[in-house]
Amino acid sequence: MDIKEIQNLIKFVSKSGVNEVSLEQGEFKITIKTEAPSLDPVYIQQAAPSPVQVAPQATSAPAETAPAVTTNAGNEDENSNYITVKSPMIGTFYRRPSPDKDLFINVGDTVAPGDVVCVIEAMKLFNEIESEVSGKIVKILVDDSSPVEYDQPLFLVDPS
């Protein structure tokens, strides 16, 4: 199982509302637990590729996410010419390497591929997040010291 598959599994767990997911593929075993309330845990045992069975989700989950979708739809046309830098992992977002250091980037700064734009802390490990695009930072979408989800937008970059 590669890192992309693990990230997709983490994304599935965070969005599904289940408390625990266990996956076994041969000698590889992984269990992901959350503190979110759930009706039933999902257990997946896979010796060979097969369809994944998922417990039914609570009906209140789609109602909670509906307002976020409508608020983003209005900004989509406005931000369509910008590139979105997204979080590659779940963790806590920090704009500076430590409390006594300067910010990595500000609105208006120019970034190039490989420039560190933020740090995401996950399980006491601080992961430097590098820009994969070049351009000017137009907007910072996350507050410092805020929790972020996998694939959550962090920055808007104007590539021109």
Foldseek 3Di string as FASTA:
>chain_A
DDPVVVQVVQQCCVLQQAAKEWEDAPPDIDMDGDPGDFDDHAYYYDPDDDDGDDDDGDPCSVVVCVVVVVVVVVCCVVQVQWDFDFDQAWAWKAQAPDPVGDGQDDQFDWFAFPRFRTWGDDPNDTHTDTDRATAGWHDADDDHRHTDHHGHTGTIGRRD
